[in-house]
Amino acid sequence: MEFPTIKRPSFPLKETIPDHTIKGQTDGITMFTRPRFTKVPRSFTLSWSRLPIADYERLRHFYYNEVKGNALAFSWTYPDIPGNSLSGKKLTVRFDGDFEFELSDYDCYTGSIKVTEV
């Protein structure tokens, strides 16, 4: 499944890489660490300040009817930004968190969604 073709998200595009280390301390105050997982799932928060109603309807339909909220994974392409190592890369993600938008003007919505790598 592919993320719907809608208006590009507004900036800033937030990327979160969680700290996934397990940390401990010995009696001698020596700190030890190790990775918790073999893969660190990055998250991206996509925001729109003026998403047209037609694009909002496509996004809401995709979220609610196609991927069933946060249940199913889909492909999302990182925006094409020159010099960025993720530019144009297709990532397998799923929605993470609530779908929260508001009708901010007569003809557009404002809101954001979070997607996390699978």
PDB file of N, CA and C in Angstrom:
ATOM      1  N   MET A   1       0.829  -1.164   0.000  1.00  0.00           N
ATOM      2  CA  MET A   1       0.000   0.000   0.000  1.00  0.00           C
ATOM      3  C   MET A   1       0.885   1.242   0.000  1.00  0.00           C
ATOM      4  N   GLU A   2       0.450   2.255  -0.697  1.00  0.00           N
ATOM      5  CA  GLU A   2       1.194   3.506  -0.823  1.00  0.00           C
ATOM      6  C   GLU A   2       0.476   4.641  -0.115  1.00  0.00           C
ATOM      7  N   PHE A   3       1.236   5.516   0.523  1.00  0.00           N
ATOM      8  CA  PHE A   3       0.695   6.740   1.098  1.00  0.00           C
ATOM      9  C   PHE A   3       0.034   7.526  -0.031  1.00  0.00           C
ATOM     10  N   PRO A   4      -1.117   8.132   0.198  1.00  0.00           N
ATOM     11  CA  PRO A   4      -1.821   8.824  -0.885  1.00  0.00           C
ATOM     12  C   PRO A   4      -1.043  10.031  -1.428  1.00  0.00           C
ATOM     13  N   THR A   5      -1.279  10.335  -2.677  1.00  0.00           N
ATOM     14  CA  THR A   5      -0.665  11.495  -3.303  1.00  0.00           C
ATOM     15  C   THR A   5      -1.474  12.731  -2.915  1.00  0.00           C
ATOM     16  N   ILE A   6      -0.905  13.497  -2.014  1.00  0.00           N
ATOM     17  CA  ILE A   6      -1.555  14.724  -1.522  1.00  0.00           C
ATOM     18  C   ILE A   6      -0.499  15.820  -1.439  1.00  0.00           C
ATOM     19  N   LYS A   7      -0.929  17.001  -1.036  1.00  0.00           N
ATOM     20  CA  LYS A   7      -0.025  18.137  -0.878  1.00  0.00           C
ATOM     21  C   LYS A   7       1.139  17.765   0.043  1.00  0.00           C
ATOM     22  N   ARG A   8       2.322  18.201  -0.322  1.00  0.00           N
ATOM     23  CA  ARG A   8       3.531  17.935   0.457  1.00  0.00           C
ATOM     24  C   ARG A   8       3.393  18.511   1.876  1.00  0.00           C
ATOM     25  N   PRO A   9       3.909  17.810   2.904  1.00  0.00           N
ATOM     26  CA  PRO A   9       3.825  18.333   4.273  1.00  0.00           C
ATOM     27  C   PRO A   9       4.557  19.668   4.413  1.00  0.00           C
ATOM     28  N   SER A  10       4.143  20.443   5.392  1.00  0.00           N
ATOM     29  CA  SER A  10       4.800  21.719   5.698  1.00  0.00           C
ATOM     30  C   SER A  10       6.103  21.442   6.453  1.00  0.00           C
ATOM     31  N   PHE A  11       6.949  22.430   6.491  1.00  0.00           N
ATOM     32  CA  PHE A  11       8.160  22.327   7.299  1.00  0.00           C
ATOM     33  C   PHE A  11       7.896  22.990   8.637  1.00  0.00           C
ATOM     34  N   PRO A  12       8.511  22.563   9.731  1.00  0.00           N
ATOM     35  CA  PRO A  12       9.551  21.556   9.769  1.00  0.00           C
ATOM     36  C   PRO A  12       8.995  20.131   9.696  1.00  0.00           C
ATOM     37  N   LEU A  13       9.780  19.225   9.135  1.00  0.00           N
ATOM     38  CA  LEU A  13       9.473  17.804   9.101  1.00  0.00           C
ATOM     39  C   LEU A  13      10.297  17.201  10.239  1.00  0.00           C
ATOM     40  N   LYS A  14       9.628  16.768  11.276  1.00  0.00           N
ATOM     41  CA  LYS A  14      10.318  16.312  12.490  1.00  0.00           C
ATOM     42  C   LYS A  14      10.699  14.843  12.376  1.00  0.00           C
ATOM     43  N   GLU A  15      11.972  14.541  12.651  1.00  0.00           N
ATOM     44  CA  GLU A  15      12.466  13.159  12.691  1.00  0.00           C
ATOM     45  C   GLU A  15      12.871  12.857  14.129  1.00  0.00           C
ATOM     46  N   THR A  16      12.452  11.691  14.635  1.00  0.00           N
ATOM     47  CA  THR A  16      12.810  11.272  15.982  1.00  0.00           C
ATOM     48  C   THR A  16      13.494   9.917  15.908  1.00  0.00           C
ATOM     49  N   ILE A  17      14.688   9.841  16.479  1.00  0.00           N
ATOM     50  CA  ILE A  17      15.407   8.568  16.587  1.00  0.00           C
ATOM     51  C   ILE A  17      15.499   8.276  18.082  1.00  0.00           C
ATOM     52  N   PRO A  18      14.753   7.269  18.553  1.00  0.00           N
ATOM     53  CA  PRO A  18      14.712   7.033  20.004  1.00  0.00           C
ATOM     54  C   PRO A  18      16.020   6.452  20.545  1.00  0.00           C
ATOM     55  N   ASP A  19      16.295   6.764  21.795  1.00  0.00           N
ATOM     56  CA  ASP A  19      17.428   6.154  22.490  1.00  0.00           C
ATOM     57  C   ASP A  19      17.012   4.724  22.814  1.00  0.00           C
ATOM     58  N   HIS A  20      17.722   3.776  22.269  1.00  0.00           N
ATOM     59  CA  HIS A  20      17.334   2.376  22.461  1.00  0.00           C
ATOM     60  C   HIS A  20      18.386   1.582  23.231  1.00  0.00           C
ATOM     61  N   THR A  21      19.184   2.267  24.022  1.00  0.00           N
ATOM     62  CA  THR A  21      20.220   1.560  24.770  1.00  0.00           C
ATOM     63  C   THR A  21      19.713   1.129  26.137  1.00  0.00           C
ATOM     64  N   ILE A  22      20.244   0.008  26.564  1.00  0.00           N
ATOM     65  CA  ILE A  22      20.013  -0.466  27.929  1.00  0.00           C
ATOM     66  C   ILE A  22      21.251  -0.051  28.714  1.00  0.00           C
ATOM     67  N   LYS A  23      21.026   0.637  29.822  1.00  0.00           N
ATOM     68  CA  LYS A  23      22.141   1.160  30.612  1.00  0.00           C
ATOM     69  C   LYS A  23      22.100   0.566  32.011  1.00  0.00           C
ATOM     70  N   GLY A  24      23.265   0.354  32.535  1.00  0.00           N
ATOM     71  CA  GLY A  24      23.370  -0.160  33.894  1.00  0.00           C
ATOM     72  C   GLY A  24      24.647   0.340  34.538  1.00  0.00           C
ATOM     73  N   GLN A  25      24.723   0.143  35.833  1.00  0.00           N
ATOM     74  CA  GLN A  25      25.892   0.616  36.556  1.00  0.00           C
ATOM     75  C   GLN A  25      26.313  -0.460  37.548  1.00  0.00           C
ATOM     76  N   THR A  26      27.611  -0.692  37.624  1.00  0.00           N
ATOM     77  CA  THR A  26      28.131  -1.674  38.569  1.00  0.00           C
ATOM     78  C   THR A  26      28.394  -1.001  39.912  1.00  0.00           C
ATOM     79  N   ASP A  27      28.737  -1.806  40.913  1.00  0.00           N
ATOM     80  CA  ASP A  27      29.052  -1.252  42.231  1.00  0.00           C
ATOM     81  C   ASP A  27      30.244  -0.313  42.181  1.00  0.00           C
ATOM     82  N   GLY A  28      31.146  -0.554  41.233  1.00  0.00           N
ATOM     83  CA  GLY A  28      32.337   0.292  41.096  1.00  0.00           C
ATOM     84  C   GLY A  28      32.068   1.553  40.291  1.00  0.00           C
ATOM     85  N   ILE A  29      30.807   1.894  40.077  1.00  0.00           N
ATOM     86  CA  ILE A  29      30.360   3.079  39.350  1.00  0.00           C
ATOM     87  C   ILE A  29      30.722   3.031  37.867  1.00  0.00           C
ATOM     88  N   THR A  30      31.059   1.862  37.378  1.00  0.00           N
ATOM     89  CA  THR A  30      31.305   1.721  35.948  1.00  0.00           C
ATOM     90  C   THR A  30      29.970   1.593  35.237  1.00  0.00           C
ATOM     91  N   MET A  31      29.788   2.362  34.176  1.00  0.00           N
ATOM     92  CA  MET A  31      28.548   2.342  33.405  1.00  0.00           C
ATOM     93  C   MET A  31      28.717   1.346  32.251  1.00  0.00           C
ATOM     94  N   PHE A  32      27.711   0.496  32.053  1.00  0.00           N
ATOM     95  CA  PHE A  32      27.739  -0.386  30.890  1.00  0.00           C
ATOM     96  C   PHE A  32      26.479  -0.147  30.070  1.00  0.00           C
ATOM     97  N   THR A  33      26.627  -0.309  28.762  1.00  0.00           N
ATOM     98  CA  THR A  33      25.503  -0.091  27.847  1.00  0.00           C
ATOM     99  C   THR A  33      25.514  -1.151  26.760  1.00  0.00           C
ATOM    100  N   ARG A  34      24.345  -1.373  26.180  1.00  0.00           N
ATOM    101  CA  ARG A  34      24.229  -2.241  25.012  1.00  0.00           C
ATOM    102  C   ARG A  34      22.958  -1.857  24.266  1.00  0.00           C
ATOM    103  N   PRO A  35      22.931  -2.134  22.957  1.00  0.00           N
ATOM    104  CA  PRO A  35      21.708  -1.819  22.208  1.00  0.00           C
ATOM    105  C   PRO A  35      20.557  -2.720  22.637  1.00  0.00           C
ATOM    106  N   ARG A  36      19.367  -2.163  22.711  1.00  0.00           N
ATOM    107  CA  ARG A  36      18.184  -2.927  23.071  1.00  0.00           C
ATOM    108  C   ARG A  36      17.664  -3.727  21.868  1.00  0.00           C
ATOM    109  N   PHE A  37      17.754  -3.128  20.684  1.00  0.00           N
ATOM    110  CA  PHE A  37      17.241  -3.746  19.465  1.00  0.00           C
ATOM    111  C   PHE A  37      18.328  -3.775  18.403  1.00  0.00           C
ATOM    112  N   THR A  38      18.124  -4.576  17.383  1.00  0.00           N
ATOM    113  CA  THR A  38      19.058  -4.570  16.260  1.00  0.00           C
ATOM    114  C   THR A  38      18.723  -3.470  15.274  1.00  0.00           C
ATOM    115  N   LYS A  39      17.481  -2.987  15.281  1.00  0.00           N
ATOM    116  CA  LYS A  39      17.063  -1.899  14.404  1.00  0.00           C
ATOM    117  C   LYS A  39      16.408  -0.816  15.253  1.00  0.00           C
ATOM    118  N   VAL A  40      16.751   0.420  14.958  1.00  0.00           N
ATOM    119  CA  VAL A  40      16.152   1.543  15.674  1.00  0.00           C
ATOM    120  C   VAL A  40      15.095   2.166  14.765  1.00  0.00           C
ATOM    121  N   PRO A  41      13.811   2.034  15.119  1.00  0.00           N
ATOM    122  CA  PRO A  41      12.756   2.577  14.258  1.00  0.00           C
ATOM    123  C   PRO A  41      12.644   4.103  14.387  1.00  0.00           C
ATOM    124  N   ARG A  42      12.918   4.794  13.285  1.00  0.00           N
ATOM    125  CA  ARG A  42      12.775   6.252  13.259  1.00  0.00           C
ATOM    126  C   ARG A  42      11.309   6.619  13.103  1.00  0.00           C
ATOM    127  N   SER A  43      10.953   7.782  13.634  1.00  0.00           N
ATOM    128  CA  SER A  43       9.599   8.320  13.481  1.00  0.00           C
ATOM    129  C   SER A  43       9.683   9.668  12.796  1.00  0.00           C
ATOM    130  N   PHE A  44       8.627   9.979  12.047  1.00  0.00           N
ATOM    131  CA  PHE A  44       8.552  11.255  11.352  1.00  0.00           C
ATOM    132  C   PHE A  44       7.184  11.860  11.623  1.00  0.00           C
ATOM    133  N   THR A  45       7.169  13.134  11.998  1.00  0.00           N
ATOM    134  CA  THR A  45       5.916  13.847  12.204  1.00  0.00           C
ATOM    135  C   THR A  45       5.678  14.724  10.985  1.00  0.00           C
ATOM    136  N   LEU A  46       4.573  14.450  10.288  1.00  0.00           N
ATOM    137  CA  LEU A  46       4.214  15.183   9.073  1.00  0.00           C
ATOM    138  C   LEU A  46       3.119  16.169   9.434  1.00  0.00           C
ATOM    139  N   SER A  47       3.315  17.422   9.099  1.00  0.00           N
ATOM    140  CA  SER A  47       2.366  18.477   9.447  1.00  0.00           C
ATOM    141  C   SER A  47       1.908  19.221   8.205  1.00  0.00           C
ATOM    142  N   TRP A  48       0.680  19.683   8.267  1.00  0.00           N
ATOM    143  CA  TRP A  48       0.128  20.513   7.196  1.00  0.00           C
ATOM    144  C   TRP A  48      -0.525  21.718   7.839  1.00  0.00           C
ATOM    145  N   SER A  49      -0.237  22.905   7.307  1.00  0.00           N
ATOM    146  CA  SER A  49      -0.874  24.113   7.832  1.00  0.00           C
ATOM    147  C   SER A  49      -2.090  24.503   6.993  1.00  0.00           C
ATOM    148  N   ARG A  50      -2.119  24.107   5.732  1.00  0.00           N
ATOM    149  CA  ARG A  50      -3.262  24.429   4.867  1.00  0.00           C
ATOM    150  C   ARG A  50      -3.489  23.256   3.903  1.00  0.00           C
ATOM    151  N   LEU A  51      -3.985  22.152   4.419  1.00  0.00           N
ATOM    152  CA  LEU A  51      -4.250  20.975   3.598  1.00  0.00           C
ATOM    153  C   LEU A  51      -5.635  21.117   2.959  1.00  0.00           C
ATOM    154  N   PRO A  52      -5.692  21.153   1.621  1.00  0.00           N
ATOM    155  CA  PRO A  52      -6.993  21.294   0.952  1.00  0.00           C
ATOM    156  C   PRO A  52      -7.952  20.169   1.357  1.00  0.00           C
ATOM    157  N   ILE A  53      -9.231  20.473   1.355  1.00  0.00           N
ATOM    158  CA  ILE A  53     -10.250  19.513   1.782  1.00  0.00           C
ATOM    159  C   ILE A  53     -10.167  18.204   1.009  1.00  0.00           C
ATOM    160  N   ALA A  54      -9.973  18.259  -0.313  1.00  0.00           N
ATOM    161  CA  ALA A  54      -9.893  17.026  -1.115  1.00  0.00           C
ATOM    162  C   ALA A  54      -8.722  16.156  -0.664  1.00  0.00           C
ATOM    163  N   ASP A  55      -7.565  16.772  -0.372  1.00  0.00           N
ATOM    164  CA  ASP A  55      -6.405  16.015   0.108  1.00  0.00           C
ATOM    165  C   ASP A  55      -6.665  15.461   1.505  1.00  0.00           C
ATOM    166  N   TYR A  56      -7.313  16.253   2.346  1.00  0.00           N
ATOM    167  CA  TYR A  56      -7.665  15.782   3.686  1.00  0.00           C
ATOM    168  C   TYR A  56      -8.571  14.554   3.604  1.00  0.00           C
ATOM    169  N   GLU A  57      -9.568  14.608   2.731  1.00  0.00           N
ATOM    170  CA  GLU A  57     -10.487  13.475   2.564  1.00  0.00           C
ATOM    171  C   GLU A  57      -9.735  12.219   2.106  1.00  0.00           C
ATOM    172  N   ARG A  58      -8.776  12.381   1.180  1.00  0.00           N
ATOM    173  CA  ARG A  58      -7.962  11.233   0.730  1.00  0.00           C
ATOM    174  C   ARG A  58      -7.146  10.662   1.883  1.00  0.00           C
ATOM    175  N   LEU A  59      -6.510  11.546   2.667  1.00  0.00           N
ATOM    176  CA  LEU A  59      -5.691  11.107   3.791  1.00  0.00           C
ATOM    177  C   LEU A  59      -6.540  10.421   4.854  1.00  0.00           C
ATOM    178  N   ARG A  60      -7.674  11.003   5.195  1.00  0.00           N
ATOM    179  CA  ARG A  60      -8.556  10.407   6.210  1.00  0.00           C
ATOM    180  C   ARG A  60      -9.079   9.050   5.753  1.00  0.00           C
ATOM    181  N   HIS A  61      -9.459   8.943   4.486  1.00  0.00           N
ATOM    182  CA  HIS A  61      -9.933   7.664   3.947  1.00  0.00           C
ATOM    183  C   HIS A  61      -8.821   6.617   4.020  1.00  0.00           C
ATOM    184  N   PHE A  62      -7.620   7.008   3.645  1.00  0.00           N
ATOM    185  CA  PHE A  62      -6.472   6.092   3.709  1.00  0.00           C
ATOM    186  C   PHE A  62      -6.252   5.615   5.143  1.00  0.00           C
ATOM    187  N   TYR A  63      -6.243   6.544   6.088  1.00  0.00           N
ATOM    188  CA  TYR A  63      -6.017   6.217   7.500  1.00  0.00           C
ATOM    189  C   TYR A  63      -7.121   5.318   8.047  1.00  0.00           C
ATOM    190  N   TYR A  64      -8.352   5.700   7.809  1.00  0.00           N
ATOM    191  CA  TYR A  64      -9.493   5.030   8.438  1.00  0.00           C
ATOM    192  C   TYR A  64      -9.894   3.741   7.727  1.00  0.00           C
ATOM    193  N   ASN A  65      -9.926   3.746   6.409  1.00  0.00           N
ATOM    194  CA  ASN A  65     -10.445   2.610   5.654  1.00  0.00           C
ATOM    195  C   ASN A  65      -9.390   1.657   5.105  1.00  0.00           C
ATOM    196  N   GLU A  66      -8.246   2.171   4.703  1.00  0.00           N
ATOM    197  CA  GLU A  66      -7.262   1.308   4.054  1.00  0.00           C
ATOM    198  C   GLU A  66      -6.256   0.688   5.013  1.00  0.00           C
ATOM    199  N   VAL A  67      -5.642   1.505   5.876  1.00  0.00           N
ATOM    200  CA  VAL A  67      -4.655   0.945   6.801  1.00  0.00           C
ATOM    201  C   VAL A  67      -5.214   0.738   8.207  1.00  0.00           C
ATOM    202  N   LYS A  68      -6.514   1.006   8.366  1.00  0.00           N
ATOM    203  CA  LYS A  68      -7.220   0.728   9.628  1.00  0.00           C
ATOM    204  C   LYS A  68      -6.534   1.385  10.822  1.00  0.00           C
ATOM    205  N   GLY A  69      -6.291   2.675  10.694  1.00  0.00           N
ATOM    206  CA  GLY A  69      -5.642   3.401  11.782  1.00  0.00           C
ATOM    207  C   GLY A  69      -4.171   3.062  11.859  1.00  0.00           C
ATOM    208  N   ASN A  70      -3.737   2.558  12.979  1.00  0.00           N
ATOM    209  CA  ASN A  70      -2.318   2.240  13.186  1.00  0.00           C
ATOM    210  C   ASN A  70      -2.002   0.771  12.927  1.00  0.00           C
ATOM    211  N   ALA A  71      -2.940   0.020  12.334  1.00  0.00           N
ATOM    212  CA  ALA A  71      -2.781  -1.428  12.238  1.00  0.00           C
ATOM    213  C   ALA A  71      -1.873  -1.912  11.111  1.00  0.00           C
ATOM    214  N   LEU A  72      -1.995  -1.345   9.919  1.00  0.00           N
ATOM    215  CA  LEU A  72      -1.286  -1.897   8.763  1.00  0.00           C
ATOM    216  C   LEU A  72      -0.144  -1.000   8.296  1.00  0.00           C
ATOM    217  N   ALA A  73       0.918  -1.644   7.804  1.00  0.00           N
ATOM    218  CA  ALA A  73       2.079  -0.917   7.281  1.00  0.00           C
ATOM    219  C   ALA A  73       1.820  -0.482   5.838  1.00  0.00           C
ATOM    220  N   PHE A  74       2.538   0.546   5.418  1.00  0.00           N
ATOM    221  CA  PHE A  74       2.429   1.057   4.054  1.00  0.00           C
ATOM    222  C   PHE A  74       3.745   1.720   3.666  1.00  0.00           C
ATOM    223  N   SER A  75       3.887   2.055   2.386  1.00  0.00           N
ATOM    224  CA  SER A  75       5.082   2.730   1.891  1.00  0.00           C
ATOM    225  C   SER A  75       4.873   4.236   1.913  1.00  0.00           C
ATOM    226  N   TRP A  76       5.870   4.932   2.392  1.00  0.00           N
ATOM    227  CA  TRP A  76       5.873   6.390   2.392  1.00  0.00           C
ATOM    228  C   TRP A  76       7.209   6.846   1.848  1.00  0.00           C
ATOM    229  N   THR A  77       7.193   7.821   0.956  1.00  0.00           N
ATOM    230  CA  THR A  77       8.420   8.326   0.350  1.00  0.00           C
ATOM    231  C   THR A  77       8.806   9.638   1.017  1.00  0.00           C
ATOM    232  N   TYR A  78      10.027   9.664   1.534  1.00  0.00           N
ATOM    233  CA  TYR A  78      10.552  10.878   2.161  1.00  0.00           C
ATOM    234  C   TYR A  78      10.614  11.967   1.105  1.00  0.00           C
ATOM    235  N   PRO A  79      10.265  13.205   1.450  1.00  0.00           N
ATOM    236  CA  PRO A  79      10.294  14.278   0.446  1.00  0.00           C
ATOM    237  C   PRO A  79      11.663  14.423  -0.223  1.00  0.00           C
ATOM    238  N   ASP A  80      11.644  14.823  -1.468  1.00  0.00           N
ATOM    239  CA  ASP A  80      12.868  15.006  -2.242  1.00  0.00           C
ATOM    240  C   ASP A  80      13.526  16.317  -1.844  1.00  0.00           C
ATOM    241  N   ILE A  81      14.574  16.210  -1.034  1.00  0.00           N
ATOM    242  CA  ILE A  81      15.274  17.377  -0.520  1.00  0.00           C
ATOM    243  C   ILE A  81      16.760  17.197  -0.829  1.00  0.00           C
ATOM    244  N   PRO A  82      17.305  17.997  -1.744  1.00  0.00           N
ATOM    245  CA  PRO A  82      18.709  17.855  -2.133  1.00  0.00           C
ATOM    246  C   PRO A  82      19.651  17.873  -0.929  1.00  0.00           C
ATOM    247  N   GLY A  83      20.613  16.953  -0.927  1.00  0.00           N
ATOM    248  CA  GLY A  83      21.612  16.877   0.131  1.00  0.00           C
ATOM    249  C   GLY A  83      21.198  16.061   1.338  1.00  0.00           C
ATOM    250  N   ASN A  84      19.935  15.649   1.422  1.00  0.00           N
ATOM    251  CA  ASN A  84      19.458  14.861   2.559  1.00  0.00           C
ATOM    252  C   ASN A  84      19.607  13.386   2.208  1.00  0.00           C
ATOM    253  N   SER A  85      20.216  12.595   3.079  1.00  0.00           N
ATOM    254  CA  SER A  85      20.453  11.179   2.792  1.00  0.00           C
ATOM    255  C   SER A  85      19.161  10.366   2.655  1.00  0.00           C
ATOM    256  N   LEU A  86      18.064  10.857   3.193  1.00  0.00           N
ATOM    257  CA  LEU A  86      16.779  10.157   3.066  1.00  0.00           C
ATOM    258  C   LEU A  86      15.977  10.626   1.846  1.00  0.00           C
ATOM    259  N   SER A  87      16.438  11.649   1.179  1.00  0.00           N
ATOM    260  CA  SER A  87      15.718  12.265   0.069  1.00  0.00           C
ATOM    261  C   SER A  87      15.219  11.245  -0.950  1.00  0.00           C
ATOM    262  N   GLY A  88      13.906  11.206  -1.134  1.00  0.00           N
ATOM    263  CA  GLY A  88      13.299  10.330  -2.128  1.00  0.00           C
ATOM    264  C   GLY A  88      13.276   8.859  -1.760  1.00  0.00           C
ATOM    265  N   LYS A  89      13.736   8.477  -0.570  1.00  0.00           N
ATOM    266  CA  LYS A  89      13.747   7.062  -0.173  1.00  0.00           C
ATOM    267  C   LYS A  89      12.358   6.607   0.229  1.00  0.00           C
ATOM    268  N   LYS A  90      12.042   5.391  -0.177  1.00  0.00           N
ATOM    269  CA  LYS A  90      10.766   4.778   0.182  1.00  0.00           C
ATOM    270  C   LYS A  90      10.966   3.994   1.479  1.00  0.00           C
ATOM    271  N   LEU A  91      10.168   4.310   2.484  1.00  0.00           N
ATOM    272  CA  LEU A  91      10.262   3.653   3.786  1.00  0.00           C
ATOM    273  C   LEU A  91       8.966   2.908   4.079  1.00  0.00           C
ATOM    274  N   THR A  92       9.080   1.784   4.763  1.00  0.00           N
ATOM    275  CA  THR A  92       7.896   1.054   5.206  1.00  0.00           C
ATOM    276  C   THR A  92       7.583   1.537   6.611  1.00  0.00           C
ATOM    277  N   VAL A  93       6.381   2.099   6.759  1.00  0.00           N
ATOM    278  CA  VAL A  93       5.982   2.723   8.018  1.00  0.00           C
ATOM    279  C   VAL A  93       4.558   2.312   8.384  1.00  0.00           C
ATOM    280  N   ARG A  94       4.144   2.707   9.567  1.00  0.00           N
ATOM    281  CA  ARG A  94       2.727   2.632   9.948  1.00  0.00           C
ATOM    282  C   ARG A  94       2.425   3.894  10.743  1.00  0.00           C
ATOM    283  N   PHE A  95       1.163   4.270  10.779  1.00  0.00           N
ATOM    284  CA  PHE A  95       0.773   5.428  11.572  1.00  0.00           C
ATOM    285  C   PHE A  95       1.014   5.116  13.034  1.00  0.00           C
ATOM    286  N   ASP A  96       1.325   6.142  13.807  1.00  0.00           N
ATOM    287  CA  ASP A  96       1.659   5.978  15.215  1.00  0.00           C
ATOM    288  C   ASP A  96       0.988   7.117  15.976  1.00  0.00           C
ATOM    289  N   GLY A  97      -0.033   6.823  16.731  1.00  0.00           N
ATOM    290  CA  GLY A  97      -0.721   7.863  17.482  1.00  0.00           C
ATOM    291  C   GLY A  97      -2.044   8.249  16.847  1.00  0.00           C
ATOM    292  N   ASP A  98      -2.594   9.337  17.331  1.00  0.00           N
ATOM    293  CA  ASP A  98      -3.909   9.790  16.891  1.00  0.00           C
ATOM    294  C   ASP A  98      -3.856  10.541  15.570  1.00  0.00           C
ATOM    295  N   PHE A  99      -4.956  10.504  14.859  1.00  0.00           N
ATOM    296  CA  PHE A  99      -5.167  11.289  13.644  1.00  0.00           C
ATOM    297  C   PHE A  99      -5.885  12.548  14.105  1.00  0.00           C
ATOM    298  N   GLU A 100      -5.167  13.665  14.124  1.00  0.00           N
ATOM    299  CA  GLU A 100      -5.733  14.875  14.709  1.00  0.00           C
ATOM    300  C   GLU A 100      -5.591  16.063  13.761  1.00  0.00           C
ATOM    301  N   PHE A 101      -6.705  16.465  13.177  1.00  0.00           N
ATOM    302  CA  PHE A 101      -6.744  17.609  12.266  1.00  0.00           C
ATOM    303  C   PHE A 101      -7.910  18.498  12.664  1.00  0.00           C
ATOM    304  N   GLU A 102      -7.828  19.767  12.271  1.00  0.00           N
ATOM    305  CA  GLU A 102      -8.938  20.674  12.506  1.00  0.00           C
ATOM    306  C   GLU A 102      -9.207  21.492  11.252  1.00  0.00           C
ATOM    307  N   LEU A 103     -10.467  21.755  11.020  1.00  0.00           N
ATOM    308  CA  LEU A 103     -10.861  22.601   9.905  1.00  0.00           C
ATOM    309  C   LEU A 103     -10.493  24.021  10.313  1.00  0.00           C
ATOM    310  N   SER A 104      -9.389  24.521   9.764  1.00  0.00           N
ATOM    311  CA  SER A 104      -8.840  25.798  10.230  1.00  0.00           C
ATOM    312  C   SER A 104      -9.312  26.994   9.417  1.00  0.00           C
ATOM    313  N   ASP A 105      -9.867  26.729   8.271  1.00  0.00           N
ATOM    314  CA  ASP A 105     -10.404  27.787   7.425  1.00  0.00           C
ATOM    315  C   ASP A 105     -11.530  27.169   6.609  1.00  0.00           C
ATOM    316  N   TYR A 106     -12.193  27.962   5.860  1.00  0.00           N
ATOM    317  CA  TYR A 106     -13.336  27.486   5.080  1.00  0.00           C
ATOM    318  C   TYR A 106     -12.963  26.327   4.143  1.00  0.00           C
ATOM    319  N   ASP A 107     -11.751  26.327   3.613  1.00  0.00           N
ATOM    320  CA  ASP A 107     -11.390  25.355   2.582  1.00  0.00           C
ATOM    321  C   ASP A 107     -10.142  24.523   2.890  1.00  0.00           C
ATOM    322  N   CYS A 108      -9.699  24.474   4.147  1.00  0.00           N
ATOM    323  CA  CYS A 108      -8.482  23.713   4.436  1.00  0.00           C
ATOM    324  C   CYS A 108      -8.418  23.248   5.896  1.00  0.00           C
ATOM    325  N   TYR A 109      -7.589  22.238   6.087  1.00  0.00           N
ATOM    326  CA  TYR A 109      -7.375  21.638   7.400  1.00  0.00           C
ATOM    327  C   TYR A 109      -5.939  21.883   7.858  1.00  0.00           C
ATOM    328  N   THR A 110      -5.761  21.870   9.161  1.00  0.00           N
ATOM    329  CA  THR A 110      -4.444  21.961   9.792  1.00  0.00           C
ATOM    330  C   THR A 110      -4.309  20.771  10.721  1.00  0.00           C
ATOM    331  N   GLY A 111      -3.130  20.149  10.707  1.00  0.00           N
ATOM    332  CA  GLY A 111      -2.920  19.021  11.608  1.00  0.00           C
ATOM    333  C   GLY A 111      -1.628  18.297  11.315  1.00  0.00           C
ATOM    334  N   SER A 112      -1.447  17.206  12.019  1.00  0.00           N
ATOM    335  CA  SER A 112      -0.226  16.417  11.826  1.00  0.00           C
ATOM    336  C   SER A 112      -0.505  14.950  12.137  1.00  0.00           C
ATOM    337  N   ILE A 113       0.349  14.120  11.590  1.00  0.00           N
ATOM    338  CA  ILE A 113       0.310  12.690  11.856  1.00  0.00           C
ATOM    339  C   ILE A 113       1.743  12.218  12.070  1.00  0.00           C
ATOM    340  N   LYS A 114       1.889  11.135  12.775  1.00  0.00           N
ATOM    341  CA  LYS A 114       3.205  10.568  13.009  1.00  0.00           C
ATOM    342  C   LYS A 114       3.263   9.208  12.334  1.00  0.00           C
ATOM    343  N   VAL A 115       4.362   8.955  11.618  1.00  0.00           N
ATOM    344  CA  VAL A 115       4.586   7.642  11.030  1.00  0.00           C
ATOM    345  C   VAL A 115       5.896   7.093  11.597  1.00  0.00           C
ATOM    346  N   THR A 116       5.934   5.791  11.857  1.00  0.00           N
ATOM    347  CA  THR A 116       7.107   5.138  12.424  1.00  0.00           C
ATOM    348  C   THR A 116       7.506   3.962  11.558  1.00  0.00           C
ATOM    349  N   GLU A 117       8.812   3.826  11.330  1.00  0.00           N
ATOM    350  CA  GLU A 117       9.303   2.713  10.541  1.00  0.00           C
ATOM    351  C   GLU A 117       8.919   1.389  11.166  1.00  0.00           C
ATOM    352  N   VAL A 118       8.655   0.428  10.316  1.00  0.00           N
ATOM    353  CA  VAL A 118       8.278  -0.913  10.772  1.00  0.00           C
ATOM    354  C   VAL A 118       9.543  -1.744  10.875  1.00  0.00           C
TER     355      VAL A 118
END
